[in-house]
Amino acid sequence: MTPEMGIIWEVSFWEFLFVTVILGGGGAWMIGRSTALTWSGWGLLAFYVALLAIAVRFIHFSLFNGTFLLPVSTFGTGLYYGIVDFIVLFAIAAAGRIFVRNRQMALQYGFLGRADV
């Protein structure tokens, strides 16, 4: 595959959609879900998403001829697309966390929403 190098994707849109959004996004959703269920903080979520972003960047590198943080000659490009992956994955993880946390709050404090007049 020859790189297209868009602002958001490095090799192709379909590769970005499959690896980052579908595969990585599923993992990010589960990270958000687990941090909500264990009542962990946002810092732990960011740490886990950073580890996932490194793994997703490695999949881009190893399977689709993308860049990684090494060698030093491609560090800038790999860092840029790693940050893009982190932002996308963090947004998905935050959505998963907020979704699960809202369900938790509705179940725990459902009496606050009732209008018993």
PDB file of N, CA and C in Angstrom:
ATOM      1  N   MET A   1       0.834  -1.180   0.000  1.00  0.00           N
ATOM      2  CA  MET A   1       0.000   0.000   0.000  1.00  0.00           C
ATOM      3  C   MET A   1       0.882   1.247   0.000  1.00  0.00           C
ATOM      4  N   THR A   2       0.509   2.193  -0.794  1.00  0.00           N
ATOM      5  CA  THR A   2       1.249   3.455  -0.789  1.00  0.00           C
ATOM      6  C   THR A   2       0.525   4.442   0.105  1.00  0.00           C
ATOM      7  N   PRO A   3       1.257   5.157   0.938  1.00  0.00           N
ATOM      8  CA  PRO A   3       0.614   6.076   1.879  1.00  0.00           C
ATOM      9  C   PRO A   3      -0.082   7.247   1.189  1.00  0.00           C
ATOM     10  N   GLU A   4      -1.279   7.567   1.660  1.00  0.00           N
ATOM     11  CA  GLU A   4      -2.002   8.742   1.194  1.00  0.00           C
ATOM     12  C   GLU A   4      -1.722   9.940   2.074  1.00  0.00           C
ATOM     13  N   MET A   5      -1.406   9.707   3.357  1.00  0.00           N
ATOM     14  CA  MET A   5      -1.036  10.733   4.327  1.00  0.00           C
ATOM     15  C   MET A   5      -2.053  11.875   4.395  1.00  0.00           C
ATOM     16  N   GLY A   6      -3.236  11.589   4.863  1.00  0.00           N
ATOM     17  CA  GLY A   6      -4.218  12.623   5.128  1.00  0.00           C
ATOM     18  C   GLY A   6      -3.950  13.258   6.483  1.00  0.00           C
ATOM     19  N   ILE A   7      -4.795  14.176   6.869  1.00  0.00           N
ATOM     20  CA  ILE A   7      -4.628  14.830   8.164  1.00  0.00           C
ATOM     21  C   ILE A   7      -4.914  13.849   9.303  1.00  0.00           C
ATOM     22  N   ILE A   8      -5.891  12.975   9.106  1.00  0.00           N
ATOM     23  CA  ILE A   8      -6.282  12.047  10.169  1.00  0.00           C
ATOM     24  C   ILE A   8      -5.713  10.651   9.938  1.00  0.00           C
ATOM     25  N   TRP A   9      -5.653  10.180   8.711  1.00  0.00           N
ATOM     26  CA  TRP A   9      -5.159   8.838   8.449  1.00  0.00           C
ATOM     27  C   TRP A   9      -3.837   8.907   7.708  1.00  0.00           C
ATOM     28  N   GLU A  10      -3.055   7.840   7.900  1.00  0.00           N
ATOM     29  CA  GLU A  10      -1.711   7.811   7.327  1.00  0.00           C
ATOM     30  C   GLU A  10      -1.652   7.020   6.030  1.00  0.00           C
ATOM     31  N   VAL A  11      -2.183   5.825   6.018  1.00  0.00           N
ATOM     32  CA  VAL A  11      -2.072   4.973   4.839  1.00  0.00           C
ATOM     33  C   VAL A  11      -3.323   5.086   3.979  1.00  0.00           C
ATOM     34  N   SER A  12      -4.472   4.775   4.544  1.00  0.00           N
ATOM     35  CA  SER A  12      -5.736   4.926   3.818  1.00  0.00           C
ATOM     36  C   SER A  12      -6.857   5.116   4.827  1.00  0.00           C
ATOM     37  N   PHE A  13      -7.973   5.646   4.346  1.00  0.00           N
ATOM     38  CA  PHE A  13      -9.122   5.857   5.225  1.00  0.00           C
ATOM     39  C   PHE A  13      -9.657   4.531   5.752  1.00  0.00           C
ATOM     40  N   TRP A  14      -9.711   3.511   4.903  1.00  0.00           N
ATOM     41  CA  TRP A  14     -10.278   2.222   5.300  1.00  0.00           C
ATOM     42  C   TRP A  14      -9.412   1.534   6.347  1.00  0.00           C
ATOM     43  N   GLU A  15      -8.104   1.689   6.214  1.00  0.00           N
ATOM     44  CA  GLU A  15      -7.198   1.134   7.219  1.00  0.00           C
ATOM     45  C   GLU A  15      -7.382   1.856   8.552  1.00  0.00           C
ATOM     46  N   PHE A  16      -7.520   3.173   8.515  1.00  0.00           N
ATOM     47  CA  PHE A  16      -7.759   3.948   9.735  1.00  0.00           C
ATOM     48  C   PHE A  16      -9.088   3.553  10.368  1.00  0.00           C
ATOM     49  N   LEU A  17     -10.122   3.419   9.539  1.00  0.00           N
ATOM     50  CA  LEU A  17     -11.436   3.045  10.043  1.00  0.00           C
ATOM     51  C   LEU A  17     -11.403   1.669  10.695  1.00  0.00           C
ATOM     52  N   PHE A  18     -10.769   0.709  10.053  1.00  0.00           N
ATOM     53  CA  PHE A  18     -10.736  -0.650  10.586  1.00  0.00           C
ATOM     54  C   PHE A  18      -9.884  -0.752  11.847  1.00  0.00           C
ATOM     55  N   VAL A  19      -8.644  -0.263  11.793  1.00  0.00           N
ATOM     56  CA  VAL A  19      -7.724  -0.471  12.915  1.00  0.00           C
ATOM     57  C   VAL A  19      -8.031   0.463  14.072  1.00  0.00           C
ATOM     58  N   THR A  20      -8.122   1.769  13.798  1.00  0.00           N
ATOM     59  CA  THR A  20      -8.279   2.721  14.896  1.00  0.00           C
ATOM     60  C   THR A  20      -9.709   2.769  15.412  1.00  0.00           C
ATOM     61  N   VAL A  21     -10.656   2.932  14.515  1.00  0.00           N
ATOM     62  CA  VAL A  21     -12.031   3.158  14.960  1.00  0.00           C
ATOM     63  C   VAL A  21     -12.719   1.860  15.385  1.00  0.00           C
ATOM     64  N   ILE A  22     -12.598   0.806  14.594  1.00  0.00           N
ATOM     65  CA  ILE A  22     -13.333  -0.420  14.914  1.00  0.00           C
ATOM     66  C   ILE A  22     -12.578  -1.268  15.948  1.00  0.00           C
ATOM     67  N   LEU A  23     -11.337  -1.649  15.642  1.00  0.00           N
ATOM     68  CA  LEU A  23     -10.597  -2.494  16.583  1.00  0.00           C
ATOM     69  C   LEU A  23     -10.184  -1.727  17.836  1.00  0.00           C
ATOM     70  N   GLY A  24      -9.496  -0.612  17.646  1.00  0.00           N
ATOM     71  CA  GLY A  24      -9.071   0.185  18.796  1.00  0.00           C
ATOM     72  C   GLY A  24     -10.243   0.801  19.524  1.00  0.00           C
ATOM     73  N   GLY A  25     -11.276   1.211  18.775  1.00  0.00           N
ATOM     74  CA  GLY A  25     -12.456   1.806  19.391  1.00  0.00           C
ATOM     75  C   GLY A  25     -13.201   0.827  20.277  1.00  0.00           C
ATOM     76  N   GLY A  26     -13.235  -0.440  19.887  1.00  0.00           N
ATOM     77  CA  GLY A  26     -13.845  -1.456  20.748  1.00  0.00           C
ATOM     78  C   GLY A  26     -13.090  -1.601  22.056  1.00  0.00           C
ATOM     79  N   GLY A  27     -11.768  -1.602  21.952  1.00  0.00           N
ATOM     80  CA  GLY A  27     -10.961  -1.660  23.171  1.00  0.00           C
ATOM     81  C   GLY A  27     -11.112  -0.408  24.009  1.00  0.00           C
ATOM     82  N   ALA A  28     -11.194   0.738  23.360  1.00  0.00           N
ATOM     83  CA  ALA A  28     -11.358   2.004  24.088  1.00  0.00           C
ATOM     84  C   ALA A  28     -12.709   2.053  24.792  1.00  0.00           C
ATOM     85  N   TRP A  29     -13.759   1.567  24.137  1.00  0.00           N
ATOM     86  CA  TRP A  29     -15.078   1.525  24.774  1.00  0.00           C
ATOM     87  C   TRP A  29     -15.034   0.656  26.032  1.00  0.00           C
ATOM     88  N   MET A  30     -14.326  -0.478  25.943  1.00  0.00           N
ATOM     89  CA  MET A  30     -14.211  -1.357  27.104  1.00  0.00           C
ATOM     90  C   MET A  30     -13.367  -0.720  28.210  1.00  0.00           C
ATOM     91  N   ILE A  31     -12.367   0.085  27.836  1.00  0.00           N
ATOM     92  CA  ILE A  31     -11.595   0.817  28.839  1.00  0.00           C
ATOM     93  C   ILE A  31     -12.496   1.811  29.559  1.00  0.00           C
ATOM     94  N   GLY A  32     -13.297   2.553  28.801  1.00  0.00           N
ATOM     95  CA  GLY A  32     -14.229   3.496  29.418  1.00  0.00           C
ATOM     96  C   GLY A  32     -15.237   2.793  30.300  1.00  0.00           C
ATOM     97  N   ARG A  33     -15.724   1.680  29.849  1.00  0.00           N
ATOM     98  CA  ARG A  33     -16.694   0.903  30.626  1.00  0.00           C
ATOM     99  C   ARG A  33     -16.069   0.408  31.926  1.00  0.00           C
ATOM    100  N   SER A  34     -14.854  -0.118  31.848  1.00  0.00           N
ATOM    101  CA  SER A  34     -14.228  -0.671  33.052  1.00  0.00           C
ATOM    102  C   SER A  34     -13.865   0.415  34.059  1.00  0.00           C
ATOM    103  N   THR A  35     -13.435   1.577  33.584  1.00  0.00           N
ATOM    104  CA  THR A  35     -13.121   2.641  34.545  1.00  0.00           C
ATOM    105  C   THR A  35     -14.388   3.199  35.174  1.00  0.00           C
ATOM    106  N   ALA A  36     -15.508   3.139  34.466  1.00  0.00           N
ATOM    107  CA  ALA A  36     -16.768   3.577  35.067  1.00  0.00           C
ATOM    108  C   ALA A  36     -17.264   2.560  36.089  1.00  0.00           C
ATOM    109  N   LEU A  37     -17.175   1.278  35.766  1.00  0.00           N
ATOM    110  CA  LEU A  37     -17.665   0.246  36.681  1.00  0.00           C
ATOM    111  C   LEU A  37     -16.847   0.154  37.958  1.00  0.00           C
ATOM    112  N   THR A  38     -15.564   0.460  37.886  1.00  0.00           N
ATOM    113  CA  THR A  38     -14.707   0.413  39.070  1.00  0.00           C
ATOM    114  C   THR A  38     -14.572   1.769  39.740  1.00  0.00           C
ATOM    115  N   TRP A  39     -15.275   2.757  39.261  1.00  0.00           N
ATOM    116  CA  TRP A  39     -15.263   4.114  39.793  1.00  0.00           C
ATOM    117  C   TRP A  39     -13.847   4.695  39.822  1.00  0.00           C
ATOM    118  N   SER A  40     -13.064   4.385  38.792  1.00  0.00           N
ATOM    119  CA  SER A  40     -11.705   4.914  38.674  1.00  0.00           C
ATOM    120  C   SER A  40     -11.745   6.311  38.080  1.00  0.00           C
ATOM    121  N   GLY A  41     -10.644   7.020  38.184  1.00  0.00           N
ATOM    122  CA  GLY A  41     -10.569   8.395  37.711  1.00  0.00           C
ATOM    123  C   GLY A  41     -10.242   8.503  36.233  1.00  0.00           C
ATOM    124  N   TRP A  42     -10.288   9.751  35.760  1.00  0.00           N
ATOM    125  CA  TRP A  42      -9.998  10.035  34.362  1.00  0.00           C
ATOM    126  C   TRP A  42      -8.517   9.836  34.043  1.00  0.00           C
ATOM    127  N   GLY A  43      -7.655  10.004  35.031  1.00  0.00           N
ATOM    128  CA  GLY A  43      -6.228   9.810  34.800  1.00  0.00           C
ATOM    129  C   GLY A  43      -5.889   8.378  34.430  1.00  0.00           C
ATOM    130  N   LEU A  44      -6.520   7.426  35.102  1.00  0.00           N
ATOM    131  CA  LEU A  44      -6.311   6.020  34.782  1.00  0.00           C
ATOM    132  C   LEU A  44      -6.840   5.705  33.389  1.00  0.00           C
ATOM    133  N   LEU A  45      -7.972   6.291  33.028  1.00  0.00           N
ATOM    134  CA  LEU A  45      -8.515   6.112  31.687  1.00  0.00           C
ATOM    135  C   LEU A  45      -7.526   6.633  30.650  1.00  0.00           C
ATOM    136  N   ALA A  46      -6.950   7.802  30.875  1.00  0.00           N
ATOM    137  CA  ALA A  46      -5.986   8.372  29.927  1.00  0.00           C
ATOM    138  C   ALA A  46      -4.740   7.495  29.810  1.00  0.00           C
ATOM    139  N   PHE A  47      -4.280   6.937  30.930  1.00  0.00           N
ATOM    140  CA  PHE A  47      -3.120   6.051  30.898  1.00  0.00           C
ATOM    141  C   PHE A  47      -3.410   4.799  30.078  1.00  0.00           C
ATOM    142  N   TYR A  48      -4.544   4.166  30.314  1.00  0.00           N
ATOM    143  CA  TYR A  48      -4.913   2.969  29.563  1.00  0.00           C
ATOM    144  C   TYR A  48      -5.086   3.272  28.076  1.00  0.00           C
ATOM    145  N   VAL A  49      -5.673   4.413  27.755  1.00  0.00           N
ATOM    146  CA  VAL A  49      -5.855   4.783  26.351  1.00  0.00           C
ATOM    147  C   VAL A  49      -4.505   5.057  25.692  1.00  0.00           C
ATOM    148  N   ALA A  50      -3.555   5.621  26.433  1.00  0.00           N
ATOM    149  CA  ALA A  50      -2.217   5.841  25.879  1.00  0.00           C
ATOM    150  C   ALA A  50      -1.552   4.510  25.534  1.00  0.00           C
ATOM    151  N   LEU A  51      -1.697   3.507  26.402  1.00  0.00           N
ATOM    152  CA  LEU A  51      -1.159   2.184  26.095  1.00  0.00           C
ATOM    153  C   LEU A  51      -1.845   1.579  24.875  1.00  0.00           C
ATOM    154  N   LEU A  52      -3.155   1.756  24.778  1.00  0.00           N
ATOM    155  CA  LEU A  52      -3.897   1.249  23.625  1.00  0.00           C
ATOM    156  C   LEU A  52      -3.485   1.976  22.349  1.00  0.00           C
ATOM    157  N   ALA A  53      -3.233   3.275  22.435  1.00  0.00           N
ATOM    158  CA  ALA A  53      -2.814   4.038  21.257  1.00  0.00           C
ATOM    159  C   ALA A  53      -1.457   3.556  20.750  1.00  0.00           C
ATOM    160  N   ILE A  54      -0.561   3.193  21.658  1.00  0.00           N
ATOM    161  CA  ILE A  54       0.734   2.642  21.238  1.00  0.00           C
ATOM    162  C   ILE A  54       0.527   1.301  20.528  1.00  0.00           C
ATOM    163  N   ALA A  55      -0.366   0.468  21.053  1.00  0.00           N
ATOM    164  CA  ALA A  55      -0.652  -0.821  20.415  1.00  0.00           C
ATOM    165  C   ALA A  55      -1.287  -0.630  19.040  1.00  0.00           C
ATOM    166  N   VAL A  56      -2.204   0.325  18.930  1.00  0.00           N
ATOM    167  CA  VAL A  56      -2.850   0.598  17.640  1.00  0.00           C
ATOM    168  C   VAL A  56      -1.826   1.134  16.647  1.00  0.00           C
ATOM    169  N   ARG A  57      -0.930   1.987  17.099  1.00  0.00           N
ATOM    170  CA  ARG A  57       0.117   2.523  16.228  1.00  0.00           C
ATOM    171  C   ARG A  57       1.021   1.393  15.749  1.00  0.00           C
ATOM    172  N   PHE A  58       1.304   0.418  16.625  1.00  0.00           N
ATOM    173  CA  PHE A  58       2.120  -0.722  16.218  1.00  0.00           C
ATOM    174  C   PHE A  58       1.404  -1.565  15.169  1.00  0.00           C
ATOM    175  N   ILE A  59       0.091  -1.735  15.283  1.00  0.00           N
ATOM    176  CA  ILE A  59      -0.660  -2.475  14.260  1.00  0.00           C
ATOM    177  C   ILE A  59      -0.605  -1.742  12.934  1.00  0.00           C
ATOM    178  N   HIS A  60      -0.751  -0.418  12.954  1.00  0.00           N
ATOM    179  CA  HIS A  60      -0.606   0.361  11.717  1.00  0.00           C
ATOM    180  C   HIS A  60       0.773   0.127  11.099  1.00  0.00           C
ATOM    181  N   PHE A  61       1.798   0.106  11.936  1.00  0.00           N
ATOM    182  CA  PHE A  61       3.172  -0.067  11.478  1.00  0.00           C
ATOM    183  C   PHE A  61       3.412  -1.469  10.934  1.00  0.00           C
ATOM    184  N   SER A  62       3.009  -2.485  11.686  1.00  0.00           N
ATOM    185  CA  SER A  62       3.376  -3.846  11.325  1.00  0.00           C
ATOM    186  C   SER A  62       2.537  -4.424  10.192  1.00  0.00           C
ATOM    187  N   LEU A  63       1.273  -4.083  10.119  1.00  0.00           N
ATOM    188  CA  LEU A  63       0.412  -4.689   9.106  1.00  0.00           C
ATOM    189  C   LEU A  63       0.184  -3.820   7.875  1.00  0.00           C
ATOM    190  N   PHE A  64       0.218  -2.497   8.035  1.00  0.00           N
ATOM    191  CA  PHE A  64      -0.166  -1.624   6.932  1.00  0.00           C
ATOM    192  C   PHE A  64       0.939  -0.674   6.494  1.00  0.00           C
ATOM    193  N   ASN A  65       2.179  -0.935   6.907  1.00  0.00           N
ATOM    194  CA  ASN A  65       3.329  -0.158   6.463  1.00  0.00           C
ATOM    195  C   ASN A  65       3.246   1.307   6.881  1.00  0.00           C
ATOM    196  N   GLY A  66       2.686   1.561   8.051  1.00  0.00           N
ATOM    197  CA  GLY A  66       2.640   2.917   8.594  1.00  0.00           C
ATOM    198  C   GLY A  66       3.920   3.224   9.348  1.00  0.00           C
ATOM    199  N   THR A  67       3.939   4.331  10.050  1.00  0.00           N
ATOM    200  CA  THR A  67       5.123   4.707  10.813  1.00  0.00           C
ATOM    201  C   THR A  67       4.923   4.383  12.284  1.00  0.00           C
ATOM    202  N   PHE A  68       6.038   4.235  12.974  1.00  0.00           N
ATOM    203  CA  PHE A  68       6.037   3.996  14.408  1.00  0.00           C
ATOM    204  C   PHE A  68       6.991   5.013  15.023  1.00  0.00           C
ATOM    205  N   LEU A  69       7.209   4.961  16.299  1.00  0.00           N
ATOM    206  CA  LEU A  69       8.083   5.934  16.948  1.00  0.00           C
ATOM    207  C   LEU A  69       9.559   5.687  16.668  1.00  0.00           C
ATOM    208  N   LEU A  70       9.912   4.516  16.184  1.00  0.00           N
ATOM    209  CA  LEU A  70      11.280   4.211  15.791  1.00  0.00           C
ATOM    210  C   LEU A  70      11.281   3.767  14.347  1.00  0.00           C
ATOM    211  N   PRO A  71      12.252   4.061  13.564  1.00  0.00           N
ATOM    212  CA  PRO A  71      13.509   4.764  13.792  1.00  0.00           C
ATOM    213  C   PRO A  71      13.294   6.263  13.975  1.00  0.00           C
ATOM    214  N   VAL A  72      14.353   6.928  14.364  1.00  0.00           N
ATOM    215  CA  VAL A  72      14.284   8.352  14.686  1.00  0.00           C
ATOM    216  C   VAL A  72      13.875   9.187  13.475  1.00  0.00           C
ATOM    217  N   SER A  73      14.173   8.715  12.276  1.00  0.00           N
ATOM    218  CA  SER A  73      13.836   9.484  11.069  1.00  0.00           C
ATOM    219  C   SER A  73      12.333   9.621  10.871  1.00  0.00           C
ATOM    220  N   THR A  74      11.535   8.681  11.386  1.00  0.00           N
ATOM    221  CA  THR A  74      10.077   8.759  11.245  1.00  0.00           C
ATOM    222  C   THR A  74       9.387   9.092  12.565  1.00  0.00           C
ATOM    223  N   PHE A  75      10.136   9.554  13.552  1.00  0.00           N
ATOM    224  CA  PHE A  75       9.567   9.818  14.866  1.00  0.00           C
ATOM    225  C   PHE A  75       8.482  10.894  14.820  1.00  0.00           C
ATOM    226  N   GLY A  76       8.720  11.982  14.098  1.00  0.00           N
ATOM    227  CA  GLY A  76       7.742  13.071  14.032  1.00  0.00           C
ATOM    228  C   GLY A  76       6.428  12.639  13.421  1.00  0.00           C
ATOM    229  N   THR A  77       6.492  11.913  12.329  1.00  0.00           N
ATOM    230  CA  THR A  77       5.276  11.427  11.682  1.00  0.00           C
ATOM    231  C   THR A  77       4.563  10.415  12.563  1.00  0.00           C
ATOM    232  N   GLY A  78       5.316   9.501  13.153  1.00  0.00           N
ATOM    233  CA  GLY A  78       4.712   8.507  14.041  1.00  0.00           C
ATOM    234  C   GLY A  78       4.083   9.134  15.266  1.00  0.00           C
ATOM    235  N   LEU A  79       4.734  10.159  15.807  1.00  0.00           N
ATOM    236  CA  LEU A  79       4.171  10.856  16.972  1.00  0.00           C
ATOM    237  C   LEU A  79       2.890  11.590  16.607  1.00  0.00           C
ATOM    238  N   TYR A  80       2.883  12.241  15.441  1.00  0.00           N
ATOM    239  CA  TYR A  80       1.684  12.973  15.010  1.00  0.00           C
ATOM    240  C   TYR A  80       0.486  12.025  14.888  1.00  0.00           C
ATOM    241  N   TYR A  81       0.666  10.920  14.159  1.00  0.00           N
ATOM    242  CA  TYR A  81      -0.446   9.988  13.978  1.00  0.00           C
ATOM    243  C   TYR A  81      -0.756   9.222  15.257  1.00  0.00           C
ATOM    244  N   GLY A  82       0.218   9.065  16.147  1.00  0.00           N
ATOM    245  CA  GLY A  82      -0.045   8.485  17.461  1.00  0.00           C
ATOM    246  C   GLY A  82      -0.938   9.391  18.291  1.00  0.00           C
ATOM    247  N   ILE A  83      -0.717  10.695  18.206  1.00  0.00           N
ATOM    248  CA  ILE A  83      -1.569  11.655  18.921  1.00  0.00           C
ATOM    249  C   ILE A  83      -2.977  11.651  18.340  1.00  0.00           C
ATOM    250  N   VAL A  84      -3.074  11.552  17.003  1.00  0.00           N
ATOM    251  CA  VAL A  84      -4.400  11.461  16.371  1.00  0.00           C
ATOM    252  C   VAL A  84      -5.119  10.210  16.847  1.00  0.00           C
ATOM    253  N   ASP A  85      -4.414   9.078  16.875  1.00  0.00           N
ATOM    254  CA  ASP A  85      -5.017   7.835  17.379  1.00  0.00           C
ATOM    255  C   ASP A  85      -5.451   7.999  18.832  1.00  0.00           C
ATOM    256  N   PHE A  86      -4.614   8.627  19.654  1.00  0.00           N
ATOM    257  CA  PHE A  86      -4.946   8.823  21.068  1.00  0.00           C
ATOM    258  C   PHE A  86      -6.213   9.664  21.213  1.00  0.00           C
ATOM    259  N   ILE A  87      -6.340  10.731  20.450  1.00  0.00           N
ATOM    260  CA  ILE A  87      -7.516  11.607  20.557  1.00  0.00           C
ATOM    261  C   ILE A  87      -8.781  10.856  20.169  1.00  0.00           C
ATOM    262  N   VAL A  88      -8.722  10.100  19.072  1.00  0.00           N
ATOM    263  CA  VAL A  88      -9.899   9.338  18.631  1.00  0.00           C
ATOM    264  C   VAL A  88     -10.267   8.281  19.668  1.00  0.00           C
ATOM    265  N   LEU A  89      -9.262   7.559  20.155  1.00  0.00           N
ATOM    266  CA  LEU A  89      -9.527   6.511  21.147  1.00  0.00           C
ATOM    267  C   LEU A  89     -10.002   7.088  22.477  1.00  0.00           C
ATOM    268  N   PHE A  90      -9.453   8.236  22.875  1.00  0.00           N
ATOM    269  CA  PHE A  90      -9.886   8.858  24.120  1.00  0.00           C
ATOM    270  C   PHE A  90     -11.341   9.313  24.021  1.00  0.00           C
ATOM    271  N   ALA A  91     -11.737   9.828  22.862  1.00  0.00           N
ATOM    272  CA  ALA A  91     -13.128  10.245  22.682  1.00  0.00           C
ATOM    273  C   ALA A  91     -14.073   9.054  22.785  1.00  0.00           C
ATOM    274  N   ILE A  92     -13.697   7.929  22.196  1.00  0.00           N
ATOM    275  CA  ILE A  92     -14.539   6.736  22.273  1.00  0.00           C
ATOM    276  C   ILE A  92     -14.580   6.202  23.703  1.00  0.00           C
ATOM    277  N   ALA A  93     -13.425   6.192  24.381  1.00  0.00           N
ATOM    278  CA  ALA A  93     -13.384   5.723  25.771  1.00  0.00           C
ATOM    279  C   ALA A  93     -14.200   6.635  26.677  1.00  0.00           C
ATOM    280  N   ALA A  94     -14.133   7.935  26.459  1.00  0.00           N
ATOM    281  CA  ALA A  94     -14.921   8.873  27.262  1.00  0.00           C
ATOM    282  C   ALA A  94     -16.408   8.664  27.028  1.00  0.00           C
ATOM    283  N   ALA A  95     -16.792   8.400  25.777  1.00  0.00           N
ATOM    284  CA  ALA A  95     -18.204   8.134  25.487  1.00  0.00           C
ATOM    285  C   ALA A  95     -18.666   6.866  26.194  1.00  0.00           C
ATOM    286  N   GLY A  96     -17.837   5.821  26.186  1.00  0.00           N
ATOM    287  CA  GLY A  96     -18.184   4.587  26.895  1.00  0.00           C
ATOM    288  C   GLY A  96     -18.286   4.804  28.384  1.00  0.00           C
ATOM    289  N   ARG A  97     -17.390   5.588  28.941  1.00  0.00           N
ATOM    290  CA  ARG A  97     -17.418   5.874  30.377  1.00  0.00           C
ATOM    291  C   ARG A  97     -18.667   6.660  30.753  1.00  0.00           C
ATOM    292  N   ILE A  98     -18.980   7.672  29.986  1.00  0.00           N
ATOM    293  CA  ILE A  98     -20.147   8.506  30.280  1.00  0.00           C
ATOM    294  C   ILE A  98     -21.435   7.698  30.132  1.00  0.00           C
ATOM    295  N   PHE A  99     -21.500   6.836  29.108  1.00  0.00           N
ATOM    296  CA  PHE A  99     -22.683   6.009  28.897  1.00  0.00           C
ATOM    297  C   PHE A  99     -22.923   5.093  30.093  1.00  0.00           C
ATOM    298  N   VAL A 100     -21.866   4.394  30.534  1.00  0.00           N
ATOM    299  CA  VAL A 100     -22.013   3.464  31.659  1.00  0.00           C
ATOM    300  C   VAL A 100     -22.261   4.217  32.958  1.00  0.00           C
ATOM    301  N   ARG A 101     -21.574   5.329  33.156  1.00  0.00           N
ATOM    302  CA  ARG A 101     -21.759   6.098  34.390  1.00  0.00           C
ATOM    303  C   ARG A 101     -23.181   6.654  34.475  1.00  0.00           C
ATOM    304  N   ASN A 102     -23.754   7.086  33.357  1.00  0.00           N
ATOM    305  CA  ASN A 102     -25.142   7.565  33.372  1.00  0.00           C
ATOM    306  C   ASN A 102     -26.110   6.448  33.751  1.00  0.00           C
ATOM    307  N   ARG A 103     -25.858   5.230  33.246  1.00  0.00           N
ATOM    308  CA  ARG A 103     -26.703   4.104  33.633  1.00  0.00           C
ATOM    309  C   ARG A 103     -26.555   3.785  35.115  1.00  0.00           C
ATOM    310  N   GLN A 104     -25.323   3.862  35.622  1.00  0.00           N
ATOM    311  CA  GLN A 104     -25.100   3.611  37.044  1.00  0.00           C
ATOM    312  C   GLN A 104     -25.861   4.625  37.890  1.00  0.00           C
ATOM    313  N   MET A 105     -25.778   5.879  37.527  1.00  0.00           N
ATOM    314  CA  MET A 105     -26.429   6.934  38.301  1.00  0.00           C
ATOM    315  C   MET A 105     -27.946   6.805  38.223  1.00  0.00           C
ATOM    316  N   ALA A 106     -28.464   6.446  37.054  1.00  0.00           N
ATOM    317  CA  ALA A 106     -29.908   6.295  36.924  1.00  0.00           C
ATOM    318  C   ALA A 106     -30.423   5.139  37.774  1.00  0.00           C
ATOM    319  N   LEU A 107     -29.648   4.057  37.846  1.00  0.00           N
ATOM    320  CA  LEU A 107     -30.067   2.929  38.680  1.00  0.00           C
ATOM    321  C   LEU A 107     -29.922   3.241  40.160  1.00  0.00           C
ATOM    322  N   GLN A 108     -28.831   3.893  40.538  1.00  0.00           N
ATOM    323  CA  GLN A 108     -28.569   4.167  41.947  1.00  0.00           C
ATOM    324  C   GLN A 108     -29.461   5.276  42.492  1.00  0.00           C
ATOM    325  N   TYR A 109     -29.634   6.317  41.701  1.00  0.00           N
ATOM    326  CA  TYR A 109     -30.367   7.488  42.183  1.00  0.00           C
ATOM    327  C   TYR A 109     -31.591   7.763  41.319  1.00  0.00           C
ATOM    328  N   GLY A 110     -32.278   6.717  40.919  1.00  0.00           N
ATOM    329  CA  GLY A 110     -33.454   6.865  40.059  1.00  0.00           C
ATOM    330  C   GLY A 110     -34.594   7.604  40.716  1.00  0.00           C
ATOM    331  N   PHE A 111     -34.628   7.581  42.052  1.00  0.00           N
ATOM    332  CA  PHE A 111     -35.706   8.254  42.761  1.00  0.00           C
ATOM    333  C   PHE A 111     -35.646   9.770  42.590  1.00  0.00           C
ATOM    334  N   LEU A 112     -34.497  10.314  42.210  1.00  0.00           N
ATOM    335  CA  LEU A 112     -34.391  11.759  42.025  1.00  0.00           C
ATOM    336  C   LEU A 112     -35.104  12.230  40.761  1.00  0.00           C
ATOM    337  N   GLY A 113     -35.270  11.364  39.774  1.00  0.00           N
ATOM    338  CA  GLY A 113     -35.899  11.745  38.535  1.00  0.00           C
ATOM    339  C   GLY A 113     -37.407  11.552  38.533  1.00  0.00           C
ATOM    340  N   ARG A 114     -37.940  10.884  39.556  1.00  0.00           N
ATOM    341  CA  ARG A 114     -39.368  10.630  39.609  1.00  0.00           C
ATOM    342  C   ARG A 114     -40.115  11.870  40.085  1.00  0.00           C
ATOM    343  N   ALA A 115     -41.254  12.075  39.484  1.00  0.00           N
ATOM    344  CA  ALA A 115     -42.093  13.214  39.877  1.00  0.00           C
ATOM    345  C   ALA A 115     -43.283  12.667  40.678  1.00  0.00           C
ATOM    346  N   ASP A 116     -43.044  12.403  41.949  1.00  0.00           N
ATOM    347  CA  ASP A 116     -44.121  11.914  42.828  1.00  0.00           C
ATOM    348  C   ASP A 116     -44.792  13.110  43.487  1.00  0.00           C
ATOM    349  N   VAL A 117     -45.734  13.671  42.775  1.00  0.00           N
ATOM    350  CA  VAL A 117     -46.425  14.865  43.287  1.00  0.00           C
ATOM    351  C   VAL A 117     -47.757  14.488  43.864  1.00  0.00           C
TER     352      VAL A 117
END
